[in-house]
Every structure is written in structure tokens, then in C-alpha cells.
Protein backbone atom coordinates (compact mmCIF):
# COMPACT_ATOMS: atom_id res chain seq x y z
CA MET A 1 16.95 24.86 20.04
CA ALA A 2 17.86 22.54 22.64
CA SER A 3 15.04 20.32 23.75
CA ALA A 4 14.17 18.39 26.59
CA VAL A 5 11.28 15.85 27.79
CA VAL A 6 10.07 14.99 31.60
CA SER A 7 8.16 12.46 32.12
CA PHE A 8 6.37 11.94 35.32
CA TRP A 9 5.20 8.51 36.41
CA ILE A 10 3.05 8.03 39.86
CA TYR A 11 1.95 4.52 40.97
CA GLY A 12 0.18 2.94 44.33
CA GLY A 13 2.25 0.91 46.10
CA SER A 14 5.74 -0.08 47.85
CA VAL A 15 8.49 0.86 46.14
CA THR A 16 12.24 -0.43 46.57
CA GLY A 17 13.90 0.13 43.27
CA GLN A 18 17.73 1.08 43.41
CA LEU A 19 20.33 3.58 41.26
CA GLY A 20 20.21 1.97 37.76
CA THR A 21 17.22 0.14 37.85
CA SER A 22 16.21 -0.58 34.11
CA ALA A 23 12.85 0.86 33.29
CA SER A 24 11.85 -2.70 32.69
CA ARG A 25 12.21 -3.80 35.90
CA LEU A 26 10.59 -0.93 37.54
CA GLY A 27 7.42 -1.77 35.28
CA LEU A 28 7.70 1.36 33.57
CA MET A 29 7.01 2.23 29.69
CA ARG A 30 10.26 3.36 27.95
CA LEU A 31 10.01 6.77 26.11
CA GLY A 32 9.75 7.01 22.42
CA THR A 33 7.98 4.23 22.08
CA ALA A 34 4.55 4.36 20.13
CA SER A 35 2.65 3.62 23.47
CA ASP A 36 3.93 7.20 24.45
CA SER A 37 1.42 8.83 22.40
CA VAL A 38 -1.39 6.94 24.28
CA VAL A 39 -3.58 9.16 26.57
CA VAL A 40 -6.20 6.84 29.11
CA THR A 41 -9.11 8.57 30.04
CA PRO A 42 -8.87 7.84 33.74
CA PRO A 43 -11.78 6.12 36.07
CA ALA A 44 -14.39 7.63 37.54
CA THR A 45 -13.34 7.16 40.97
CA GLN A 46 -11.95 10.78 41.98
CA GLU A 47 -11.75 11.88 45.50
CA SER A 48 -12.47 15.52 44.47
CA LEU A 49 -12.12 17.68 41.35
CA LEU A 50 -9.85 20.37 40.83
CA ARG A 51 -11.21 23.44 39.47
CA ASN A 52 -9.32 25.74 37.01
CA ASP A 53 -10.00 28.78 37.98
CA VAL A 54 -9.89 28.85 41.30
CA VAL A 55 -6.87 30.11 43.44
CA THR A 56 -4.90 26.75 44.60
CA LEU A 57 -2.89 26.14 47.58
CA CYS A 58 -0.46 23.13 48.30
CA TRP A 59 1.47 21.67 51.08
CA PRO A 60 3.09 19.69 52.57
CA ASN A 61 5.69 19.37 50.54
CA ARG A 62 6.96 15.28 51.34
CA ILE A 63 9.89 15.32 49.37
CA GLY A 64 11.99 15.16 52.80
CA SER A 65 9.96 12.46 53.85
CA SER A 66 10.58 10.43 51.21
CA VAL A 67 13.70 7.78 49.87
CA LEU A 68 14.81 9.14 46.68
CA SER A 69 16.61 6.48 44.03
CA GLY A 70 17.67 5.86 40.60
CA GLY A 71 19.74 7.83 37.64
CA ALA A 72 23.34 8.49 37.87
CA TRP A 73 24.74 11.92 39.81
CA GLN A 74 27.66 13.43 40.22
CA PRO A 75 29.03 12.51 43.76
CA THR A 76 29.07 16.48 45.16
CA LEU A 77 25.58 17.01 43.97
CA PRO A 78 23.80 13.89 44.39
CA LEU A 79 20.10 13.72 43.87
CA GLU A 80 19.40 13.47 47.59
CA ASN A 81 19.80 17.43 47.17
CA ILE A 82 16.26 17.88 45.56
CA ALA A 83 14.82 17.43 49.20
CA ASN A 84 16.77 20.44 50.32
CA LYS A 85 15.37 23.43 50.96
CA VAL A 86 17.89 25.78 49.47
CA PHE A 87 17.21 25.60 45.95
CA ALA A 88 20.86 26.70 45.32
CA LYS A 89 22.14 23.53 46.31
CA LYS A 90 21.40 21.53 42.87
CA ALA A 91 21.51 17.91 42.31
CA ARG A 92 23.13 17.20 38.90
CA SER A 93 23.08 13.99 36.44
CA LEU A 94 26.63 12.86 35.62
CA ASN A 95 25.59 13.46 31.71
CA VAL A 96 22.38 13.80 29.58
CA ASP A 97 21.52 9.94 28.98
CA GLU A 98 18.11 9.39 29.91
CA SER A 99 19.22 6.25 32.14
CA SER A 100 21.57 9.38 34.16
CA THR A 101 18.37 11.57 34.44
CA GLN A 102 16.23 9.54 35.77
CA PHE A 103 14.78 9.33 39.86
CA ARG A 104 12.31 7.82 41.81
CA ILE A 105 10.61 9.24 45.07
CA SER A 106 9.38 6.68 47.53
CA LEU A 107 6.53 8.55 49.62
CA ASP A 108 6.86 7.09 53.41
CA LYS A 109 3.04 6.11 52.94
CA GLY A 110 0.61 6.19 50.91
CA ARG A 111 -0.21 9.90 50.00
CA PRO A 112 -2.65 12.24 48.58
CA VAL A 113 -0.80 13.75 45.25
CA ALA A 114 -1.87 16.23 43.15
CA VAL A 115 1.40 18.38 42.22
CA VAL A 116 4.83 17.40 41.57
CA SER A 117 7.14 20.73 40.50
CA LEU A 118 10.92 20.91 39.87
CA ALA A 119 12.29 24.39 40.59
CA ALA A 120 15.62 25.69 39.62
CA HIS A 121 16.35 23.64 37.21
CA ASN A 122 18.01 23.94 33.88
CA LEU A 123 16.13 22.26 31.58
CA SER A 124 15.73 23.54 28.03
CA GLN A 125 13.29 25.88 26.79
CA ASP A 126 11.72 23.31 24.26
CA ALA A 127 11.02 20.51 27.60
CA GLU A 128 7.82 18.96 27.83
CA VAL A 129 6.10 16.75 30.34
CA ARG A 130 4.26 13.64 30.76
CA VAL A 131 2.30 12.80 34.23
CA VAL A 132 1.07 9.08 34.37
CA ALA A 133 -0.68 7.57 37.36
CA TYR A 134 -1.52 3.65 38.35
CA ALA A 135 -3.37 2.26 41.20
CA ASN A 136 -0.63 0.29 42.34
CA VAL A 137 3.38 -0.68 41.99
CA GLU A 138 2.63 -2.98 39.30
CA GLY A 139 1.58 -0.20 37.03
CA VAL A 140 -1.92 -2.21 36.66
CA GLY A 141 -4.90 0.35 36.60
CA MET A 142 -3.54 3.54 35.32
CA VAL A 143 -5.93 6.60 36.74
CA TYR A 144 -4.34 9.22 35.30
CA ASP A 145 -2.43 10.21 31.93
CA SER A 146 -1.42 13.44 30.97
CA GLY A 147 0.09 13.33 27.76
CA PHE A 148 3.31 15.28 27.20
CA LEU A 149 2.74 18.76 28.08
CA PRO A 150 5.00 21.41 27.80
CA ALA A 151 7.27 22.08 30.51
CA TRP A 152 7.94 25.90 29.88
CA PRO A 153 4.56 27.49 29.57
CA ALA A 154 3.70 29.90 26.85
CA SER A 155 4.21 32.76 29.33
CA TYR A 156 4.42 35.89 27.69
CA LEU A 157 2.11 38.80 26.78
CA PRO A 158 1.48 39.03 22.96
CA GLU A 159 2.00 42.99 23.32
CA THR A 160 5.28 42.91 24.81
CA LEU A 161 6.73 40.73 21.97
CA GLU A 162 8.67 41.93 18.66
CA TRP A 163 8.67 40.45 15.26
CA GLU A 164 12.41 39.56 15.81
CA ASP A 165 11.67 38.05 18.93
CA ASN A 166 12.21 33.45 18.54
CA ASN A 167 8.89 33.20 20.58
CA PHE A 168 6.85 35.39 18.54
CA TRP A 169 4.95 32.50 16.54
CA PHE A 170 4.11 29.92 19.10
CA GLY A 171 3.84 32.15 22.47
CA ASP A 172 6.83 29.40 23.90
CA ALA A 173 8.44 31.24 27.43
CA ASP A 174 11.67 32.67 26.19
CA LEU A 175 13.30 33.82 29.50
CA ASP A 176 16.98 35.70 29.20
CA VAL A 177 19.75 34.21 30.21
CA ASP A 178 19.84 37.35 32.79
CA SER A 179 16.18 36.21 33.99
CA GLU A 180 16.02 36.64 38.03
CA TYR A 181 12.99 34.14 37.92
CA THR A 182 13.41 31.21 39.07
CA PRO A 183 12.51 28.07 36.67
CA LEU A 184 9.81 26.22 37.88
CA THR A 185 7.59 23.13 35.71
CA THR A 186 4.81 22.20 37.81
CA VAL A 187 2.30 19.58 36.78
CA PHE A 188 -0.94 19.57 38.38
CA PHE A 189 -2.65 16.69 37.84
CA GLY A 190 -6.48 17.71 37.44
CA ASP A 191 -7.44 16.02 41.01
CA ILE A 192 -6.01 14.34 43.94
CA TYR A 193 -4.70 10.46 43.90
CA ASN A 194 -3.53 8.50 46.13
CA ALA A 195 0.04 7.45 45.57
CA GLU A 196 3.10 6.05 47.16
CA ALA A 197 5.77 6.87 44.56
CA VAL A 198 6.34 8.91 41.59
CA ASP A 199 9.38 7.97 39.04
CA VAL A 200 10.66 11.04 37.27
CA PHE A 201 12.50 10.60 33.87
CA ILE A 202 13.64 13.23 31.96
CA ARG A 203 14.92 13.82 28.08
CA ASP A 204 17.08 16.16 27.36
CA LEU A 205 19.60 14.75 25.19
CA SER A 206 20.33 18.17 23.44
CA ASN A 207 20.84 20.13 26.55
CA VAL A 208 24.19 22.37 26.19
CA ASP A 209 25.13 22.42 29.46
CA GLY A 210 25.93 18.18 29.20
CA TYR A 211 23.79 17.73 32.05
CA VAL A 212 20.46 18.10 33.89
CA ASP A 213 20.20 20.36 37.51
CA ILE A 214 17.50 20.31 40.01
CA GLY A 215 17.35 22.67 42.36
CA ARG A 216 14.51 21.58 44.30
CA CYS A 217 11.25 18.98 44.05
CA PHE A 218 8.04 20.08 45.31
CA ILE A 219 5.26 16.63 45.59
CA SER A 220 2.05 17.00 47.31
CA GLY A 221 -1.48 17.48 47.34
CA ALA A 222 -3.88 20.68 46.85
CA TRP A 223 -6.72 22.15 48.63
CA GLN A 224 -9.11 24.68 46.93
CA PRO A 225 -11.90 26.97 48.73
CA GLU A 226 -15.34 26.13 48.16
CA THR A 227 -15.85 30.00 47.55
CA ASN A 228 -12.87 31.27 45.42
CA MET A 229 -10.90 34.42 46.68
CA SER A 230 -12.56 37.81 46.63
CA TYR A 231 -11.33 40.91 44.53
CA GLY A 232 -8.54 43.20 45.95
CA LEU A 233 -5.39 40.54 45.90
CA GLU A 234 -2.15 41.86 45.62
CA TYR A 235 0.86 41.09 44.07
CA GLY A 236 4.45 42.48 44.47
CA HIS A 237 7.94 42.04 45.34
CA ILE A 238 10.25 42.27 48.27
CA ILE A 239 13.40 43.91 47.27
CA GLY A 240 16.52 43.19 49.46
CA THR A 241 18.59 45.61 47.17
CA THR A 242 20.74 48.05 49.08
CA VAL A 243 22.33 51.14 48.21
CA GLU A 244 25.00 53.31 50.01
CA GLU A 245 26.26 56.42 48.96
CA ALA A 246 29.49 58.20 48.45
CA ASN A 247 30.34 61.60 49.58
CA ASP A 248 29.74 63.08 45.97
CA GLY A 249 26.53 61.75 46.02
CA THR A 250 27.55 58.54 43.62
CA GLU A 251 25.35 55.39 44.59
CA TYR A 252 26.59 52.04 44.56
CA PHE A 253 24.03 49.16 44.84
CA ASP A 254 24.56 45.51 45.96
CA ARG A 255 21.44 44.00 43.69
CA LYS A 256 19.28 41.19 45.28
CA ARG A 257 17.05 38.82 43.42
CA ALA A 258 13.11 40.01 44.39
CA LYS A 259 11.01 37.76 46.26
CA ARG A 260 7.17 37.69 44.88
CA THR A 261 4.64 38.12 46.97
CA VAL A 262 1.10 37.41 47.07
CA SER A 263 -1.95 39.34 49.74
CA LEU A 264 -5.61 37.11 48.97
CA SER A 265 -8.30 36.93 51.34
CA LEU A 266 -10.81 34.35 51.67
CA ASP A 267 -14.17 36.23 53.22
CA TRP A 268 -16.46 33.14 52.62
CA LEU A 269 -14.93 30.51 54.55
CA THR A 270 -16.84 27.71 56.22
CA GLN A 271 -16.25 26.58 59.83
CA SER A 272 -14.91 23.55 58.34
CA GLU A 273 -12.80 25.32 55.97
CA ALA A 274 -11.35 27.72 58.16
CA PHE A 275 -10.05 25.49 60.87
CA SER A 276 -9.39 21.93 59.37
CA ARG A 277 -7.38 23.81 56.55
CA ILE A 278 -6.43 27.38 56.94
CA TYR A 279 -6.12 27.46 60.91
CA ALA A 280 -4.40 23.67 60.80
CA MET A 281 -2.02 25.29 57.72
CA GLN A 282 -0.98 28.02 59.60
CA ARG A 283 0.40 26.04 62.55
CA ASP A 284 1.97 22.99 60.75
CA GLN A 285 3.65 25.57 58.06
CA GLY A 286 4.36 28.40 60.24
CA ILE A 287 6.33 30.82 58.54
CA ASP A 288 9.20 28.42 57.54
CA ARG A 289 7.65 25.67 55.38
CA GLU A 290 6.84 25.43 51.70
CA ILE A 291 3.20 26.10 49.89
CA LEU A 292 2.93 26.07 46.17
CA PHE A 293 0.57 29.18 45.19
CA ALA A 294 -1.18 29.14 41.87
CA HIS A 295 -3.49 32.37 40.90
CA GLU A 296 -5.70 29.33 38.78
CA LEU A 297 -5.13 26.19 36.99
CA ASN A 298 -5.98 27.62 33.70
CA ALA A 299 -3.20 28.07 31.29
CA SER A 300 -2.81 31.78 30.57
CA ASP A 301 -0.06 34.40 29.70
CA GLU A 302 0.61 34.90 33.14
CA SER A 303 0.55 31.19 34.60
CA PHE A 304 4.57 31.92 35.18
CA TYR A 305 4.67 34.69 36.79
CA ARG A 306 1.31 33.89 39.34
CA THR A 307 2.88 30.58 40.27
CA PHE A 308 5.48 30.10 42.91
CA ILE A 309 6.64 28.20 45.87
CA GLY A 310 6.96 30.11 48.77
CA ARG A 311 6.18 30.50 52.67
CA LEU A 312 3.87 32.00 54.86
CA GLN A 313 4.57 35.69 56.41
CA GLN A 314 3.27 36.18 59.47
CA PRO A 315 -0.38 34.84 59.61
CA ASP A 316 -3.07 37.05 60.22
CA PRO A 317 -6.01 35.75 62.62
CA ILE A 318 -8.92 33.77 61.45
CA ALA A 319 -12.28 36.27 61.77
CA ASN A 320 -15.41 34.97 62.26
CA PRO A 321 -17.83 38.40 61.24
CA TYR A 322 -21.26 36.61 60.62
CA TYR A 323 -22.73 33.64 61.26
CA ALA A 324 -21.36 30.19 59.92
CA THR A 325 -18.91 33.00 57.68
CA HIS A 326 -15.09 32.65 58.31
CA THR A 327 -12.54 35.07 56.87
CA ASN A 328 -8.65 35.01 56.66
CA ARG A 329 -5.98 36.89 54.41
CA ILE A 330 -3.20 35.24 53.84
CA ASN A 331 0.36 36.61 52.70
CA ILE A 332 2.94 34.39 50.74
CA GLN A 333 6.49 35.17 50.00
CA GLU A 334 8.75 33.31 47.37
CA ILE A 335 11.39 31.48 48.33
CA ILE A 336 14.15 31.95 45.78
């Protein structure tokens, strides 16, 4: 089985790294050294604690206002494509060398960062992800280190597996080559940190394609309501497949990929949450800008299916049914 490793490094100072800048000049640890296995406990200087069992909404995506650099990418499929909203317009490395597949995201200024996600990629099934956060660009004052985590979650339902399945024993995601799900690697930091730059390193030397593809990068803060969403949430699909019927009754289908949907109710919002968060989100994100949705941060068999990048459908109004209590229903559809 092919193997891949992805590492995210986060700093809190200005960045001027250029294409081909060596890891030593960037102040980064080299992958594969003994120090890779060291996980440092973050100091207790955190803005807020993300809860694992609460719905999480992430916006806005800061990738569009960031400067991208580093690595070696095909001229016709440059690194800048990960900032393009069209997932099919990919960035493709020249090869699978680690020096070619690295890149840096320089944010426009210090921003709250709680999640980094790579969408529509071709990383192999055994990929691992590591996130390391620093207080400044010199790499002094580490605030977060995830250690290596699987890029593909253990997202199967055990009762659906056969003895002969490749992932029967270990539960790794094993999407068929014809799967219509968008590959998505998402790393939640467990908290929110201020950062000005993110370095991404990808190790996938055995990738059978001979290169790394990335369709989109998502980087943002995260928000969770004080009171979790209510029971009654609904998951579904928008299926745009069309059908035409011939005179003899034969049906001909033009198949389209299905888009996941979720509808959830936040029924116990404070006034501050209702307006400084939800009302502002509706206006700022509209129906065209991305939101990363996660049912919960706990790893589960369903995590892969209940985490996706989407957009708001037409926003519902905010209601005030009780004193000091506001409600809102949020409808999100997947971007593919």
C-alpha cells in the first residue's frame, strides 16, 4: 500500500519564504528525524477550548487572501490553484520529492486558526498528518503539536465489512477508485491559535501517480454554539442526475455527483451568538462562500461522511421565541 505523510507547521510572525527555500532556512525540523516523534504539551495560553461533542462551523476561508510559496509545481497546474474555488482546478507537484510537495501559506496578518483542510487530493490511504504551532516565525515558543495523525480517518461501519476487505482489521478508510466522495483531510487543532503563516509538508514518495494533487485548501478559525444543535437534524443529498425516456420506454441517465446536505437547528442561542455569529455569518458568507461543517470533532465511524466543505443555502431568519433566547435553522449543501 502506498504511504504518504503530511505535516502542517504554524507560526505567528511574518513570512517571506520563496519557492525552493530549504527547510533549514525556514526554521523547520526535517521530517524523518528523531524529533518528529516528540509531542509537546501546549502551554495554558489558549483563547478558547473546542469541545469534541459539539457541532463545529468554520469560516471564513483565509486561503484567498494569503500568499502561497514553496515547493515545485507544474507550470500549468501551479500552487496558486489551491486558492481557486473550483476543486477540479488542481495544483500538481512536479514529482513526489518532499522538496517539491511543500508549500507555505502566509496569511495577510495574524488570524485565529483552528483548522486546516486539504480537499480533492490524491494522497495515498496510509497518509499521516502532523500540525505544529509556534508563537513566532523563529519557531520559538511552541503552542501546539498534534503528532502524526491519519490523513484518512477510520470511517468504516464494521458491519458492512467482509472478511476479505483490505481494511477489515484496521478500519482505515478504503474508498473505491470509483467513489464519488471528495477526498478531504481535516486537522482540527483542539483550540484556536493566532498565526500568520502555515507551512505544509507532504511526504508521499510511494504515490503511484508520481505527483501530489490538491484541489483546494481551507484554513480558518472555528465556532461552536454554547448549547449544541437540537435533535431533529437532517442529512440528505442533492442529486442532479437527469433522465430522458425514449419512445420505447428506455431511460437514459446523465449521472451527476450527489452533493451532501445537512439541516440543523440551533434553538438556544444567546443574543450575542445570534447576531455576532449567525447573523454576521449569513451576511458575510452569503450563499457563495465556503463553510466547513463538522457534526462533531470526536473521531467516529461516520466522521468522514459528516464533515465537508459546503455553502449556505438561502439563510433562514433568526427568531426570538423566548426571552433572551434566539433560534436559527442552518441549511448547508456540499461544494464538490
